[in-house]
Amino acid sequence: MAERGAHLTTAAAEGRPSIFEVLAQDSLMNAVKPALEHAVKILAESNPARYGVLWRKFDEIYAILDLLLQHHFLLHTSSSFSENFYGLKRVGPDDSRRAHHGLGHRRHLRSLLLLVLLPYLRTKLEKVLARQRDEDDFSIRMPQSLAQKMYRAFLAAYPYVCMVWDGWSFCHQLLYVFGNARTHSPLLWLAGVRLSHLTVQDIHSLDLKPVGRALTSSQSFGGRLQRVFSTVVGNVAMSLSTGLSMGVFFLQFLEWWYSSENQTTMKSLTSLPTPPPPLHLEDQDAAPMHSKVCPLCRKVRSNDTALATSGYVFCYRCIYTHVKTNHRCPLTGYPSELQHLIKLYSPEA
């Protein structure tokens, strides 16, 4: 029955890939980013002074590398990295166009923006939304102007926009399964392309594609500079693609290994017995005064709050402002976020 169902969704008469192939290539890049992010987080925690900037600017660095990678594959194979990994290509109205000829300037630019820019903006919006939820949880209300109110209204409507988008994507996939749509994703529809298998001629042309002419003295300085820049970008993208091709399964394994479900299982197997609670100190005044001083303001702490990444205790207002601005512990430099703040309650007398 499974083979028969796969055959029905292939639509061999039109040369379309099956729904399983297109969903598999969609999930490939979605698994690569979390795995790389976790690796960068480990580096940042091991040496915050040297690798902390990689963690703080991870979204921007990943977007630049992804831009180079996707531009290289769209230009040379008419497909994204994940699509090329599964032997697929993007085609426009002209089905006879070979993969190594590219998509054309307009479709190439639209595909690049939808592959790189849209996911980057969505990631940043979701982080801003998470910070807003943290502020709401801590009951922080800053003075709001009209622009700030409109900004918060947009953030409040963003989850509903995501729900509409997910519903649209699901309808596209259903229509694609039943053969009533040429694309399985709204992103492909907006880019004006659809997916198709690489033909034998495409593979042969990609294998025999010339590397390019060597630089000659008769070329203008601008032309030589552009060719050198294109060569450097192409080499960087090729290095990235080769590394991802070799490590994609390892990255998927990392993504699974550090998933919440697997971590819960590992913690249940390796967790230590819970230590007993500390003894209640009868004489609270006997504690040394320096233990009650906030490391930031150097005053007696008010509204004690611990930072989970380092264990130090601060005034809530001091550590909230510092973490929101710098995203790190002020004493250890460990990468930290607002969700790492823990309110401490003194024992009742």
Protein backbone atom coordinates (compact mmCIF):
# COMPACT_ATOMS: atom_id res chain seq x y z
CA MET A 1 0.00 0.00 0.00
CA ALA A 2 2.85 2.42 0.78
CA GLU A 3 4.45 1.88 -2.64
CA ARG A 4 1.08 2.43 -4.33
CA GLY A 5 0.51 5.66 -2.38
CA ALA A 6 3.99 6.93 -3.27
CA HIS A 7 3.31 6.14 -6.92
CA LEU A 8 0.07 8.13 -6.87
CA THR A 9 1.80 11.20 -5.47
CA THR A 10 4.66 11.17 -7.94
CA ALA A 11 2.68 12.37 -10.97
CA ALA A 12 5.19 10.84 -13.36
CA ALA A 13 3.29 12.13 -16.37
CA GLU A 14 4.28 15.68 -15.44
CA GLY A 15 7.72 14.81 -14.09
CA ARG A 16 6.91 16.23 -10.67
CA PRO A 17 8.68 15.01 -7.52
CA SER A 18 6.58 13.27 -4.90
CA ILE A 19 5.32 15.02 -1.78
CA PHE A 20 7.79 12.97 0.26
CA GLU A 21 10.76 14.30 -1.71
CA VAL A 22 9.74 17.96 -1.49
CA LEU A 23 8.99 17.74 2.23
CA ALA A 24 12.32 15.97 2.85
CA GLN A 25 14.29 18.72 1.14
CA ASP A 26 12.31 21.34 3.11
CA SER A 27 13.27 19.70 6.39
CA LEU A 28 16.96 19.43 5.47
CA MET A 29 17.89 23.11 5.95
CA ASN A 30 15.51 23.35 8.92
CA ALA A 31 17.65 20.72 10.66
CA VAL A 32 21.00 22.28 9.71
CA LYS A 33 20.51 25.66 11.41
CA PRO A 34 19.62 24.38 14.93
CA ALA A 35 22.57 21.98 14.86
CA LEU A 36 25.00 24.74 13.85
CA GLU A 37 23.47 27.05 16.45
CA HIS A 38 24.07 24.48 19.18
CA ALA A 39 27.68 24.00 18.08
CA VAL A 40 28.26 27.78 18.19
CA LYS A 41 26.63 27.93 21.63
CA ILE A 42 29.07 25.30 22.95
CA LEU A 43 32.01 27.32 21.56
CA ALA A 44 30.67 30.52 23.14
CA GLU A 45 30.26 28.87 26.53
CA SER A 46 33.76 27.35 26.39
CA ASN A 47 35.44 30.69 25.57
CA PRO A 48 33.05 33.70 25.82
CA ALA A 49 35.76 36.29 25.15
CA ARG A 50 36.76 34.74 21.82
CA TYR A 51 33.60 33.09 20.51
CA GLY A 52 30.89 35.09 22.25
CA VAL A 53 30.44 37.33 19.22
CA LEU A 54 29.62 34.27 17.10
CA TRP A 55 26.71 33.49 19.41
CA ARG A 56 25.46 37.09 19.63
CA LYS A 57 25.63 37.60 15.85
CA PHE A 58 24.75 34.04 14.84
CA ASP A 59 21.61 35.00 12.87
CA GLU A 60 23.49 37.57 10.78
CA ILE A 61 26.51 35.31 10.17
CA TYR A 62 24.27 32.39 9.22
CA ALA A 63 22.24 34.62 6.87
CA ILE A 64 25.41 35.77 5.06
CA LEU A 65 26.71 32.21 4.67
CA ASP A 66 23.28 31.01 3.57
CA LEU A 67 23.13 33.85 1.03
CA LEU A 68 26.45 32.80 -0.51
CA LEU A 69 25.45 29.13 -0.53
CA GLN A 70 22.01 29.59 -2.07
CA HIS A 71 23.28 32.14 -4.62
CA HIS A 72 25.93 29.68 -5.80
CA PHE A 73 23.46 26.81 -6.24
CA LEU A 74 20.75 28.95 -7.84
CA LEU A 75 23.29 30.33 -10.30
CA HIS A 76 24.91 27.03 -11.25
CA THR A 77 22.20 24.39 -10.71
CA SER A 78 18.87 26.33 -10.74
CA SER A 79 18.11 25.00 -7.26
CA SER A 80 18.74 25.63 -3.61
CA PHE A 81 21.27 23.53 -1.69
CA SER A 82 18.64 21.18 -0.25
CA GLU A 83 16.84 20.84 -3.59
CA ASN A 84 20.07 19.97 -5.36
CA PHE A 85 20.90 17.48 -2.59
CA TYR A 86 17.73 15.54 -3.51
CA GLY A 87 18.28 15.84 -7.27
CA LEU A 88 15.68 18.56 -7.89
CA LYS A 89 15.76 21.83 -9.80
CA ARG A 90 13.61 24.92 -10.17
CA VAL A 91 11.98 25.53 -13.53
CA GLY A 92 9.95 28.43 -14.86
CA PRO A 93 7.56 28.55 -17.81
CA ASP A 94 10.39 27.40 -20.09
CA ASP A 95 10.74 23.72 -19.13
CA SER A 96 13.47 23.12 -21.72
CA ARG A 97 15.97 25.42 -19.96
CA ARG A 98 18.99 23.49 -18.69
CA ALA A 99 19.81 23.58 -14.97
CA HIS A 100 23.33 25.02 -15.44
CA HIS A 101 21.88 28.04 -17.28
CA GLY A 102 20.27 29.35 -14.09
CA LEU A 103 16.79 30.75 -13.55
CA GLY A 104 17.15 34.18 -15.07
CA HIS A 105 17.79 37.40 -13.17
CA ARG A 106 14.28 38.12 -11.85
CA ARG A 107 13.45 34.58 -10.71
CA HIS A 108 16.94 34.19 -9.28
CA LEU A 109 16.54 37.35 -7.18
CA ARG A 110 13.05 36.43 -5.97
CA SER A 111 14.17 32.92 -5.06
CA LEU A 112 17.16 34.28 -3.18
CA LEU A 113 15.06 36.74 -1.16
CA LEU A 114 12.48 34.10 -0.26
CA LEU A 115 15.12 31.50 0.66
CA VAL A 116 17.33 33.76 2.80
CA LEU A 117 15.74 37.09 3.71
CA LEU A 118 12.27 35.85 4.70
CA PRO A 119 13.54 33.17 7.16
CA TYR A 120 15.97 35.71 8.67
CA LEU A 121 13.21 38.27 9.25
CA ARG A 122 10.94 35.62 10.73
CA THR A 123 13.67 34.53 13.16
CA LYS A 124 14.27 38.09 14.31
CA LEU A 125 10.54 38.73 14.75
CA GLU A 126 10.13 35.58 16.82
CA LYS A 127 13.00 36.65 19.10
CA VAL A 128 11.45 40.10 19.53
CA LEU A 129 8.13 38.44 20.32
CA ALA A 130 9.82 36.21 22.91
CA ARG A 131 11.38 39.28 24.58
CA GLN A 132 7.98 40.97 24.67
CA ARG A 133 6.47 37.91 26.37
CA ASP A 134 9.28 38.02 28.95
CA GLU A 135 8.50 41.66 29.67
CA ASP A 136 4.82 40.83 30.03
CA ASP A 137 5.66 37.97 32.41
CA PHE A 138 7.76 40.31 34.56
CA SER A 139 5.02 42.97 34.44
CA ILE A 140 7.28 45.62 32.96
CA ARG A 141 5.44 48.52 31.34
CA MET A 142 7.51 51.27 29.77
CA PRO A 143 6.02 54.61 28.62
CA GLN A 144 4.63 54.03 25.15
CA SER A 145 4.36 56.43 22.26
CA LEU A 146 2.04 55.94 19.30
CA ALA A 147 4.80 54.21 17.32
CA GLN A 148 5.50 51.84 20.22
CA LYS A 149 1.80 51.02 20.55
CA MET A 150 1.59 50.22 16.83
CA TYR A 151 4.72 48.11 17.19
CA ARG A 152 3.23 46.10 20.06
CA ALA A 153 -0.04 45.74 18.13
CA PHE A 154 1.90 44.26 15.20
CA LEU A 155 3.70 41.84 17.51
CA ALA A 156 0.35 40.84 19.03
CA ALA A 157 -1.05 40.12 15.54
CA TYR A 158 2.07 38.25 14.39
CA PRO A 159 1.03 34.81 15.77
CA TYR A 160 -2.22 35.03 13.81
CA VAL A 161 -0.28 35.94 10.66
CA CYS A 162 1.87 32.84 11.20
CA MET A 163 -1.27 30.74 11.66
CA VAL A 164 -2.68 32.00 8.35
CA TRP A 165 0.64 31.32 6.62
CA ASP A 166 0.84 27.78 7.99
CA GLY A 167 -2.74 27.15 6.89
CA TRP A 168 -1.94 28.43 3.40
CA SER A 169 1.12 26.17 3.23
CA PHE A 170 -0.93 23.16 4.34
CA CYS A 171 -3.57 23.84 1.67
CA HIS A 172 -0.82 24.11 -0.95
CA GLN A 173 0.54 20.72 0.09
CA LEU A 174 -2.91 19.11 -0.08
CA LEU A 175 -3.56 20.55 -3.53
CA TYR A 176 -0.13 19.36 -4.64
CA VAL A 177 -0.84 15.83 -3.41
CA PHE A 178 -4.09 15.68 -5.40
CA GLY A 179 -2.48 17.17 -8.50
CA ASN A 180 -4.39 20.48 -8.39
CA ALA A 181 -1.32 22.67 -7.77
CA ARG A 182 2.04 22.91 -9.51
CA THR A 183 3.92 23.80 -6.33
CA HIS A 184 3.79 22.46 -2.78
CA SER A 185 4.81 25.74 -1.11
CA PRO A 186 3.62 29.36 -1.35
CA LEU A 187 7.30 30.40 -1.50
CA LEU A 188 7.76 28.62 -4.82
CA TRP A 189 4.51 30.11 -6.11
CA LEU A 190 5.66 33.62 -5.14
CA ALA A 191 9.02 33.00 -6.82
CA GLY A 192 7.25 31.95 -10.04
CA VAL A 193 8.94 28.54 -10.23
CA ARG A 194 8.15 24.89 -9.58
CA LEU A 195 10.25 21.86 -8.72
CA SER A 196 11.23 19.14 -11.15
CA HIS A 197 13.71 16.26 -11.27
CA LEU A 198 17.13 16.76 -12.81
CA THR A 199 17.21 15.11 -16.22
CA VAL A 200 20.06 13.07 -17.64
CA GLN A 201 20.98 16.02 -19.87
CA ASP A 202 21.07 18.32 -16.83
CA ILE A 203 23.40 16.02 -14.92
CA HIS A 204 25.63 15.62 -17.96
CA SER A 205 25.75 19.41 -18.50
CA LEU A 206 26.55 20.06 -14.82
CA ASP A 207 29.40 17.55 -14.90
CA LEU A 208 30.89 19.03 -18.09
CA LYS A 209 30.28 22.70 -17.33
CA PRO A 210 33.45 24.75 -18.03
CA VAL A 211 35.11 26.29 -15.03
CA GLY A 212 35.52 29.68 -16.71
CA ARG A 213 38.09 31.57 -18.68
CA ALA A 214 41.38 32.55 -17.14
CA LEU A 215 42.14 36.20 -16.46
CA THR A 216 43.81 38.01 -19.34
CA SER A 217 45.66 41.30 -19.43
CA SER A 218 43.26 42.67 -22.06
CA GLN A 219 40.35 42.67 -19.61
CA SER A 220 39.48 45.93 -17.86
CA PHE A 221 40.26 46.37 -14.18
CA GLY A 222 36.54 46.36 -13.30
CA GLY A 223 35.95 43.15 -15.22
CA ARG A 224 38.93 41.44 -13.60
CA LEU A 225 37.86 42.61 -10.14
CA GLN A 226 34.34 41.31 -10.71
CA ARG A 227 35.66 37.97 -11.95
CA VAL A 228 38.00 37.65 -8.95
CA PHE A 229 35.12 38.48 -6.58
CA SER A 230 32.87 35.92 -8.31
CA THR A 231 35.61 33.30 -8.07
CA VAL A 232 36.13 33.95 -4.35
CA VAL A 233 32.39 33.85 -3.65
CA GLY A 234 32.05 30.67 -5.69
CA ASN A 235 34.92 29.00 -3.82
CA VAL A 236 33.45 29.97 -0.44
CA ALA A 237 30.03 28.67 -1.46
CA MET A 238 31.54 25.47 -2.84
CA SER A 239 33.43 24.92 0.42
CA LEU A 240 30.22 25.44 2.39
CA SER A 241 28.27 23.09 0.15
CA THR A 242 30.95 20.41 0.34
CA GLY A 243 31.12 20.69 4.12
CA LEU A 244 27.34 20.58 4.46
CA SER A 245 27.07 17.66 2.05
CA MET A 246 29.59 15.68 4.10
CA GLY A 247 28.23 16.72 7.50
CA VAL A 248 24.49 16.94 6.86
CA PHE A 249 23.73 13.58 8.47
CA PHE A 250 25.99 14.41 11.40
CA LEU A 251 24.17 17.74 11.83
CA GLN A 252 20.81 15.98 11.73
CA PHE A 253 22.10 13.58 14.39
CA LEU A 254 23.14 16.56 16.56
CA GLU A 255 19.72 18.15 16.08
CA TRP A 256 18.07 14.92 17.27
CA TRP A 257 20.55 14.39 20.10
CA TYR A 258 19.90 17.81 21.60
CA SER A 259 16.15 17.79 20.99
CA SER A 260 13.95 18.37 24.01
CA GLU A 261 12.46 14.85 23.93
CA ASN A 262 15.86 13.13 23.82
CA GLN A 263 17.31 15.39 26.51
CA THR A 264 14.38 14.60 28.77
CA THR A 265 15.08 10.89 28.35
CA MET A 266 18.81 11.31 28.98
CA LYS A 267 18.22 13.40 32.10
CA SER A 268 15.83 10.80 33.48
CA LEU A 269 18.48 8.10 32.98
CA THR A 270 21.45 10.02 34.35
CA SER A 271 19.85 12.35 36.92
CA LEU A 272 21.33 12.38 40.40
CA PRO A 273 19.30 12.26 43.61
CA THR A 274 17.83 15.59 44.64
CA PRO A 275 19.94 17.18 47.40
CA PRO A 276 18.23 18.05 50.69
CA PRO A 277 17.03 21.64 51.18
CA PRO A 278 19.40 24.00 53.05
CA LEU A 279 18.97 24.45 56.77
CA HIS A 280 17.01 27.52 57.79
CA LEU A 281 19.28 30.13 59.34
CA GLU A 282 17.79 31.46 62.52
CA ASP A 283 20.00 34.52 62.63
CA GLN A 284 19.64 36.22 59.26
CA ASP A 285 21.72 39.20 60.44
CA ALA A 286 24.71 36.91 60.97
CA ALA A 287 25.25 36.62 57.20
CA PRO A 288 28.15 38.75 55.97
CA MET A 289 27.13 42.07 54.50
CA HIS A 290 29.05 41.54 51.26
CA SER A 291 26.86 38.52 50.44
CA LYS A 292 23.86 40.87 50.17
CA VAL A 293 25.50 43.36 47.80
CA CYS A 294 24.57 43.47 44.11
CA PRO A 295 27.72 43.05 41.94
CA LEU A 296 26.41 45.68 39.49
CA CYS A 297 25.19 48.61 41.58
CA ARG A 298 27.34 47.77 44.66
CA LYS A 299 24.35 48.36 46.93
CA VAL A 300 22.26 46.06 49.11
CA ARG A 301 20.20 43.92 46.76
CA SER A 302 16.52 44.60 46.28
CA ASN A 303 14.18 42.09 44.62
CA ASP A 304 16.89 39.37 44.50
CA THR A 305 17.21 37.67 41.12
CA ALA A 306 19.63 34.90 40.16
CA LEU A 307 21.10 34.41 36.70
CA ALA A 308 20.80 30.71 35.88
CA THR A 309 23.77 30.63 33.48
CA SER A 310 26.29 31.71 36.15
CA GLY A 311 24.53 31.42 39.54
CA TYR A 312 25.24 35.00 40.66
CA VAL A 313 22.51 37.02 42.38
CA PHE A 314 21.72 40.65 41.48
CA CYS A 315 19.05 43.27 41.88
CA TYR A 316 16.28 42.49 39.44
CA ARG A 317 16.36 45.88 37.73
CA CYS A 318 20.15 45.83 37.39
CA ILE A 319 20.45 42.36 35.86
CA TYR A 320 17.34 42.76 33.69
CA THR A 321 18.72 45.92 32.07
CA HIS A 322 22.19 44.41 31.59
CA VAL A 323 21.03 41.10 30.10
CA LYS A 324 18.50 42.79 27.81
CA THR A 325 21.23 45.08 26.45
CA ASN A 326 24.30 42.79 26.37
CA HIS A 327 22.84 39.23 26.31
CA ARG A 328 25.58 37.96 28.64
CA CYS A 329 26.41 37.58 32.33
CA PRO A 330 28.21 40.72 33.58
CA LEU A 331 30.67 38.68 35.67
CA THR A 332 31.40 35.52 33.65
CA GLY A 333 30.47 36.63 30.13
CA TYR A 334 28.33 33.54 29.57
CA PRO A 335 25.63 34.05 26.89
CA SER A 336 22.37 34.77 28.72
CA GLU A 337 18.79 35.74 27.92
CA LEU A 338 15.87 37.11 29.93
CA GLN A 339 14.40 33.64 30.42
CA HIS A 340 17.49 32.77 32.49
CA LEU A 341 16.47 35.22 35.25
CA ILE A 342 15.11 33.45 38.37
CA LYS A 343 13.31 35.35 41.11
CA LEU A 344 14.47 34.45 44.62
CA TYR A 345 12.12 34.51 47.57
CA SER A 346 13.47 34.82 51.11
CA PRO A 347 12.16 32.28 53.65
CA GLU A 348 9.33 33.50 55.79
CA ALA A 349 10.12 34.04 59.43
